[in-house]
Amino acid sequence: MHMSSIFKEYGIPIDKTKLVRHNLINEDISRINWFGMIECYQATQGKNFFDKCKYIHSFLSTNSTESLFIG
């Protein structure tokens, strides 16, 4: 199933949605995740990074082609 199908089923507008995939190979991201601080980390992104977004869907990489939805 594609994410776009899930969004459509729940009435989430794709044009107002951003998907963010955090790579756990990055030691800083791995440490941030370990301490449960991904949401805080995302809040520190550049001013325009999440502009025009109503929804943010966050993922953690599990390997080179797969990700785990975290919120």
PDB file of N, CA and C in Angstrom:
ATOM      1  N   MET A   1       0.846  -1.174   0.000  1.00  0.00           N
ATOM      2  CA  MET A   1       0.000   0.000   0.000  1.00  0.00           C
ATOM      3  C   MET A   1       0.894   1.241   0.000  1.00  0.00           C
ATOM      4  N   HIS A   2       0.487   2.229  -0.729  1.00  0.00           N
ATOM      5  CA  HIS A   2       1.226   3.481  -0.815  1.00  0.00           C
ATOM      6  C   HIS A   2       0.724   4.459   0.246  1.00  0.00           C
ATOM      7  N   MET A   3       1.629   5.298   0.723  1.00  0.00           N
ATOM      8  CA  MET A   3       1.247   6.320   1.711  1.00  0.00           C
ATOM      9  C   MET A   3       0.147   7.215   1.158  1.00  0.00           C
ATOM     10  N   SER A   4       0.211   7.520  -0.124  1.00  0.00           N
ATOM     11  CA  SER A   4      -0.808   8.395  -0.709  1.00  0.00           C
ATOM     12  C   SER A   4      -2.203   7.774  -0.580  1.00  0.00           C
ATOM     13  N   SER A   5      -2.308   6.456  -0.662  1.00  0.00           N
ATOM     14  CA  SER A   5      -3.602   5.780  -0.488  1.00  0.00           C
ATOM     15  C   SER A   5      -4.109   5.942   0.936  1.00  0.00           C
ATOM     16  N   ILE A   6      -3.209   5.831   1.892  1.00  0.00           N
ATOM     17  CA  ILE A   6      -3.582   5.997   3.299  1.00  0.00           C
ATOM     18  C   ILE A   6      -4.021   7.437   3.550  1.00  0.00           C
ATOM     19  N   PHE A   7      -3.264   8.392   3.035  1.00  0.00           N
ATOM     20  CA  PHE A   7      -3.626   9.800   3.202  1.00  0.00           C
ATOM     21  C   PHE A   7      -5.010  10.068   2.624  1.00  0.00           C
ATOM     22  N   LYS A   8      -5.247   9.568   1.405  1.00  0.00           N
ATOM     23  CA  LYS A   8      -6.533   9.786   0.746  1.00  0.00           C
ATOM     24  C   LYS A   8      -7.669   9.176   1.562  1.00  0.00           C
ATOM     25  N   GLU A   9      -7.460   7.969   2.072  1.00  0.00           N
ATOM     26  CA  GLU A   9      -8.495   7.290   2.854  1.00  0.00           C
ATOM     27  C   GLU A   9      -8.879   8.080   4.102  1.00  0.00           C
ATOM     28  N   TYR A  10      -7.904   8.752   4.712  1.00  0.00           N
ATOM     29  CA  TYR A  10      -8.162   9.509   5.943  1.00  0.00           C
ATOM     30  C   TYR A  10      -8.346  11.004   5.711  1.00  0.00           C
ATOM     31  N   GLY A  11      -8.411  11.414   4.454  1.00  0.00           N
ATOM     32  CA  GLY A  11      -8.680  12.813   4.135  1.00  0.00           C
ATOM     33  C   GLY A  11      -7.518  13.748   4.427  1.00  0.00           C
ATOM     34  N   ILE A  12      -6.295  13.237   4.360  1.00  0.00           N
ATOM     35  CA  ILE A  12      -5.106  14.066   4.610  1.00  0.00           C
ATOM     36  C   ILE A  12      -4.614  14.607   3.271  1.00  0.00           C
ATOM     37  N   PRO A  13      -4.580  15.932   3.103  1.00  0.00           N
ATOM     38  CA  PRO A  13      -4.152  16.504   1.822  1.00  0.00           C
ATOM     39  C   PRO A  13      -2.645  16.322   1.597  1.00  0.00           C
ATOM     40  N   ILE A  14      -2.312  15.665   0.502  1.00  0.00           N
ATOM     41  CA  ILE A  14      -0.906  15.377   0.192  1.00  0.00           C
ATOM     42  C   ILE A  14      -0.104  16.662   0.020  1.00  0.00           C
ATOM     43  N   ASP A  15      -0.712  17.680  -0.558  1.00  0.00           N
ATOM     44  CA  ASP A  15       0.007  18.924  -0.806  1.00  0.00           C
ATOM     45  C   ASP A  15       0.311  19.714   0.465  1.00  0.00           C
ATOM     46  N   LYS A  16      -0.254  19.317   1.589  1.00  0.00           N
ATOM     47  CA  LYS A  16       0.009  19.977   2.869  1.00  0.00           C
ATOM     48  C   LYS A  16       0.741  19.029   3.828  1.00  0.00           C
ATOM     49  N   THR A  17       1.362  17.986   3.267  1.00  0.00           N
ATOM     50  CA  THR A  17       2.002  16.949   4.064  1.00  0.00           C
ATOM     51  C   THR A  17       3.479  16.830   3.701  1.00  0.00           C
ATOM     52  N   LYS A  18       4.321  16.669   4.710  1.00  0.00           N
ATOM     53  CA  LYS A  18       5.744  16.443   4.483  1.00  0.00           C
ATOM     54  C   LYS A  18       6.129  15.128   5.154  1.00  0.00           C
ATOM     55  N   LEU A  19       6.849  14.284   4.414  1.00  0.00           N
ATOM     56  CA  LEU A  19       7.396  13.048   4.961  1.00  0.00           C
ATOM     57  C   LEU A  19       8.846  13.292   5.315  1.00  0.00           C
ATOM     58  N   VAL A  20       9.231  12.903   6.525  1.00  0.00           N
ATOM     59  CA  VAL A  20      10.598  13.107   6.984  1.00  0.00           C
ATOM     60  C   VAL A  20      11.168  11.756   7.401  1.00  0.00           C
ATOM     61  N   ARG A  21      12.295  11.391   6.815  1.00  0.00           N
ATOM     62  CA  ARG A  21      12.944  10.117   7.132  1.00  0.00           C
ATOM     63  C   ARG A  21      14.284  10.414   7.799  1.00  0.00           C
ATOM     64  N   HIS A  22      14.394  10.013   9.053  1.00  0.00           N
ATOM     65  CA  HIS A  22      15.625  10.217   9.811  1.00  0.00           C
ATOM     66  C   HIS A  22      16.493   8.976   9.666  1.00  0.00           C
ATOM     67  N   ASN A  23      17.741   9.193   9.311  1.00  0.00           N
ATOM     68  CA  ASN A  23      18.662   8.092   9.059  1.00  0.00           C
ATOM     69  C   ASN A  23      19.420   7.726  10.332  1.00  0.00           C
ATOM     70  N   LEU A  24      19.195   6.523  10.839  1.00  0.00           N
ATOM     71  CA  LEU A  24      19.839   6.092  12.085  1.00  0.00           C
ATOM     72  C   LEU A  24      21.324   5.775  11.916  1.00  0.00           C
ATOM     73  N   ILE A  25      21.813   5.766  10.676  1.00  0.00           N
ATOM     74  CA  ILE A  25      23.253   5.591  10.467  1.00  0.00           C
ATOM     75  C   ILE A  25      23.994   6.814  11.009  1.00  0.00           C
ATOM     76  N   ASN A  26      23.342   7.958  10.951  1.00  0.00           N
ATOM     77  CA  ASN A  26      23.897   9.184  11.509  1.00  0.00           C
ATOM     78  C   ASN A  26      23.915   9.052  13.032  1.00  0.00           C
ATOM     79  N   GLU A  27      25.097   9.121  13.626  1.00  0.00           N
ATOM     80  CA  GLU A  27      25.229   8.909  15.077  1.00  0.00           C
ATOM     81  C   GLU A  27      24.436   9.926  15.890  1.00  0.00           C
ATOM     82  N   ASP A  28      24.389  11.168  15.444  1.00  0.00           N
ATOM     83  CA  ASP A  28      23.620  12.189  16.169  1.00  0.00           C
ATOM     84  C   ASP A  28      22.132  11.852  16.177  1.00  0.00           C
ATOM     85  N   ILE A  29      21.606  11.454  15.020  1.00  0.00           N
ATOM     86  CA  ILE A  29      20.184  11.093  14.930  1.00  0.00           C
ATOM     87  C   ILE A  29      19.910   9.864  15.787  1.00  0.00           C
ATOM     88  N   SER A  30      20.791   8.897  15.742  1.00  0.00           N
ATOM     89  CA  SER A  30      20.625   7.689  16.555  1.00  0.00           C
ATOM     90  C   SER A  30      20.565   8.033  18.039  1.00  0.00           C
ATOM     91  N   ARG A  31      21.444   8.911  18.482  1.00  0.00           N
ATOM     92  CA  ARG A  31      21.474   9.333  19.887  1.00  0.00           C
ATOM     93  C   ARG A  31      20.204  10.112  20.245  1.00  0.00           C
ATOM     94  N   ILE A  32      19.794  11.013  19.360  1.00  0.00           N
ATOM     95  CA  ILE A  32      18.568  11.795  19.584  1.00  0.00           C
ATOM     96  C   ILE A  32      17.371  10.853  19.718  1.00  0.00           C
ATOM     97  N   ASN A  33      17.297   9.854  18.841  1.00  0.00           N
ATOM     98  CA  ASN A  33      16.209   8.880  18.909  1.00  0.00           C
ATOM     99  C   ASN A  33      16.270   8.083  20.207  1.00  0.00           C
ATOM    100  N   TRP A  34      17.464   7.669  20.611  1.00  0.00           N
ATOM    101  CA  TRP A  34      17.640   6.883  21.838  1.00  0.00           C
ATOM    102  C   TRP A  34      17.040   7.605  23.048  1.00  0.00           C
ATOM    103  N   PHE A  35      17.215   8.921  23.076  1.00  0.00           N
ATOM    104  CA  PHE A  35      16.704   9.715  24.195  1.00  0.00           C
ATOM    105  C   PHE A  35      15.270  10.215  23.965  1.00  0.00           C
ATOM    106  N   GLY A  36      14.631   9.771  22.872  1.00  0.00           N
ATOM    107  CA  GLY A  36      13.240  10.140  22.605  1.00  0.00           C
ATOM    108  C   GLY A  36      13.054  11.608  22.270  1.00  0.00           C
ATOM    109  N   MET A  37      14.024  12.187  21.578  1.00  0.00           N
ATOM    110  CA  MET A  37      13.997  13.628  21.326  1.00  0.00           C
ATOM    111  C   MET A  37      13.806  13.993  19.853  1.00  0.00           C
ATOM    112  N   ILE A  38      13.277  13.067  19.045  1.00  0.00           N
ATOM    113  CA  ILE A  38      13.103  13.356  17.618  1.00  0.00           C
ATOM    114  C   ILE A  38      12.189  14.563  17.398  1.00  0.00           C
ATOM    115  N   GLU A  39      11.110  14.651  18.137  1.00  0.00           N
ATOM    116  CA  GLU A  39      10.187  15.784  17.960  1.00  0.00           C
ATOM    117  C   GLU A  39      10.891  17.104  18.279  1.00  0.00           C
ATOM    118  N   CYS A  40      11.691  17.115  19.322  1.00  0.00           N
ATOM    119  CA  CYS A  40      12.455  18.323  19.668  1.00  0.00           C
ATOM    120  C   CYS A  40      13.460  18.656  18.569  1.00  0.00           C
ATOM    121  N   TYR A  41      14.108  17.627  18.045  1.00  0.00           N
ATOM    122  CA  TYR A  41      15.068  17.820  16.956  1.00  0.00           C
ATOM    123  C   TYR A  41      14.384  18.440  15.741  1.00  0.00           C
ATOM    124  N   GLN A  42      13.221  17.903  15.379  1.00  0.00           N
ATOM    125  CA  GLN A  42      12.494  18.446  14.230  1.00  0.00           C
ATOM    126  C   GLN A  42      12.098  19.896  14.457  1.00  0.00           C
ATOM    127  N   ALA A  43      11.813  20.242  15.699  1.00  0.00           N
ATOM    128  CA  ALA A  43      11.410  21.612  16.028  1.00  0.00           C
ATOM    129  C   ALA A  43      12.548  22.606  15.816  1.00  0.00           C
ATOM    130  N   THR A  44      13.782  22.112  15.720  1.00  0.00           N
ATOM    131  CA  THR A  44      14.922  23.004  15.529  1.00  0.00           C
ATOM    132  C   THR A  44      15.304  23.157  14.068  1.00  0.00           C
ATOM    133  N   GLN A  45      14.537  22.544  13.161  1.00  0.00           N
ATOM    134  CA  GLN A  45      14.841  22.653  11.729  1.00  0.00           C
ATOM    135  C   GLN A  45      14.740  24.104  11.290  1.00  0.00           C
ATOM    136  N   GLY A  46      15.382  24.395  10.177  1.00  0.00           N
ATOM    137  CA  GLY A  46      15.377  25.748   9.639  1.00  0.00           C
ATOM    138  C   GLY A  46      13.976  26.329   9.504  1.00  0.00           C
ATOM    139  N   LYS A  47      13.887  27.622   9.553  1.00  0.00           N
ATOM    140  CA  LYS A  47      12.613  28.345   9.566  1.00  0.00           C
ATOM    141  C   LYS A  47      11.664  27.896   8.457  1.00  0.00           C
ATOM    142  N   ASN A  48      12.151  27.685   7.265  1.00  0.00           N
ATOM    143  CA  ASN A  48      11.288  27.381   6.129  1.00  0.00           C
ATOM    144  C   ASN A  48      11.085  25.886   5.880  1.00  0.00           C
ATOM    145  N   PHE A  49      11.731  25.029   6.666  1.00  0.00           N
ATOM    146  CA  PHE A  49      11.699  23.595   6.386  1.00  0.00           C
ATOM    147  C   PHE A  49      10.289  23.023   6.405  1.00  0.00           C
ATOM    148  N   PHE A  50       9.467  23.437   7.362  1.00  0.00           N
ATOM    149  CA  PHE A  50       8.115  22.910   7.475  1.00  0.00           C
ATOM    150  C   PHE A  50       7.042  23.924   7.078  1.00  0.00           C
ATOM    151  N   ASP A  51       7.447  24.999   6.408  1.00  0.00           N
ATOM    152  CA  ASP A  51       6.462  25.969   5.927  1.00  0.00           C
ATOM    153  C   ASP A  51       5.462  25.286   5.001  1.00  0.00           C
ATOM    154  N   LYS A  52       4.255  25.757   5.033  1.00  0.00           N
ATOM    155  CA  LYS A  52       3.168  25.285   4.179  1.00  0.00           C
ATOM    156  C   LYS A  52       2.760  23.842   4.469  1.00  0.00           C
ATOM    157  N   CYS A  53       3.223  23.280   5.574  1.00  0.00           N
ATOM    158  CA  CYS A  53       2.834  21.918   5.956  1.00  0.00           C
ATOM    159  C   CYS A  53       1.789  21.983   7.066  1.00  0.00           C
ATOM    160  N   LYS A  54       0.774  21.186   6.915  1.00  0.00           N
ATOM    161  CA  LYS A  54      -0.192  21.027   7.989  1.00  0.00           C
ATOM    162  C   LYS A  54       0.106  19.744   8.743  1.00  0.00           C
ATOM    163  N   TYR A  55       0.685  18.774   8.034  1.00  0.00           N
ATOM    164  CA  TYR A  55       0.980  17.475   8.617  1.00  0.00           C
ATOM    165  C   TYR A  55       2.436  17.105   8.370  1.00  0.00           C
ATOM    166  N   ILE A  56       3.050  16.483   9.364  1.00  0.00           N
ATOM    167  CA  ILE A  56       4.404  15.953   9.246  1.00  0.00           C
ATOM    168  C   ILE A  56       4.340  14.491   9.661  1.00  0.00           C
ATOM    169  N   HIS A  57       4.821  13.619   8.801  1.00  0.00           N
ATOM    170  CA  HIS A  57       4.863  12.192   9.095  1.00  0.00           C
ATOM    171  C   HIS A  57       6.332  11.804   9.185  1.00  0.00           C
ATOM    172  N   SER A  58       6.746  11.323  10.343  1.00  0.00           N
ATOM    173  CA  SER A  58       8.150  11.041  10.605  1.00  0.00           C
ATOM    174  C   SER A  58       8.427   9.548  10.589  1.00  0.00           C
ATOM    175  N   PHE A  59       9.593   9.218  10.055  1.00  0.00           N
ATOM    176  CA  PHE A  59      10.027   7.832   9.937  1.00  0.00           C
ATOM    177  C   PHE A  59      11.474   7.711  10.389  1.00  0.00           C
ATOM    178  N   LEU A  60      11.844   6.518  10.849  1.00  0.00           N
ATOM    179  CA  LEU A  60      13.240   6.180  11.127  1.00  0.00           C
ATOM    180  C   LEU A  60      13.664   5.115  10.134  1.00  0.00           C
ATOM    181  N   SER A  61      14.847   5.271   9.564  1.00  0.00           N
ATOM    182  CA  SER A  61      15.325   4.255   8.635  1.00  0.00           C
ATOM    183  C   SER A  61      15.597   2.960   9.400  1.00  0.00           C
ATOM    184  N   THR A  62      15.232   1.837   8.801  1.00  0.00           N
ATOM    185  CA  THR A  62      15.525   0.531   9.417  1.00  0.00           C
ATOM    186  C   THR A  62      16.597  -0.193   8.613  1.00  0.00           C
ATOM    187  N   ASN A  63      16.707   0.118   7.356  1.00  0.00           N
ATOM    188  CA  ASN A  63      17.797  -0.336   6.493  1.00  0.00           C
ATOM    189  C   ASN A  63      17.795   0.587   5.276  1.00  0.00           C
ATOM    190  N   SER A  64      18.455   0.206   4.207  1.00  0.00           N
ATOM    191  CA  SER A  64      18.602   1.131   3.080  1.00  0.00           C
ATOM    192  C   SER A  64      17.299   1.399   2.333  1.00  0.00           C
ATOM    193  N   THR A  65      16.310   0.510   2.443  1.00  0.00           N
ATOM    194  CA  THR A  65      15.082   0.701   1.654  1.00  0.00           C
ATOM    195  C   THR A  65      13.809   0.737   2.493  1.00  0.00           C
ATOM    196  N   GLU A  66      13.898   0.547   3.787  1.00  0.00           N
ATOM    197  CA  GLU A  66      12.704   0.498   4.621  1.00  0.00           C
ATOM    198  C   GLU A  66      12.774   1.519   5.742  1.00  0.00           C
ATOM    199  N   SER A  67      11.598   1.917   6.219  1.00  0.00           N
ATOM    200  CA  SER A  67      11.518   2.879   7.314  1.00  0.00           C
ATOM    201  C   SER A  67      10.384   2.482   8.246  1.00  0.00           C
ATOM    202  N   LEU A  68      10.486   2.952   9.482  1.00  0.00           N
ATOM    203  CA  LEU A  68       9.475   2.695  10.508  1.00  0.00           C
ATOM    204  C   LEU A  68       8.757   4.004  10.806  1.00  0.00           C
ATOM    205  N   PHE A  69       7.440   4.011  10.672  1.00  0.00           N
ATOM    206  CA  PHE A  69       6.638   5.193  10.977  1.00  0.00           C
ATOM    207  C   PHE A  69       6.676   5.429  12.489  1.00  0.00           C
ATOM    208  N   ILE A  70       7.047   6.650  12.905  1.00  0.00           N
ATOM    209  CA  ILE A  70       7.129   6.944  14.346  1.00  0.00           C
ATOM    210  C   ILE A  70       6.147   8.016  14.780  1.00  0.00           C
ATOM    211  N   GLY A  71       5.472   8.645  13.836  1.00  0.00           N
ATOM    212  CA  GLY A  71       4.470   9.630  14.243  1.00  0.00           C
ATOM    213  C   GLY A  71       4.286  10.733  13.266  1.00  0.00           C
TER     214      GLY A  71
END
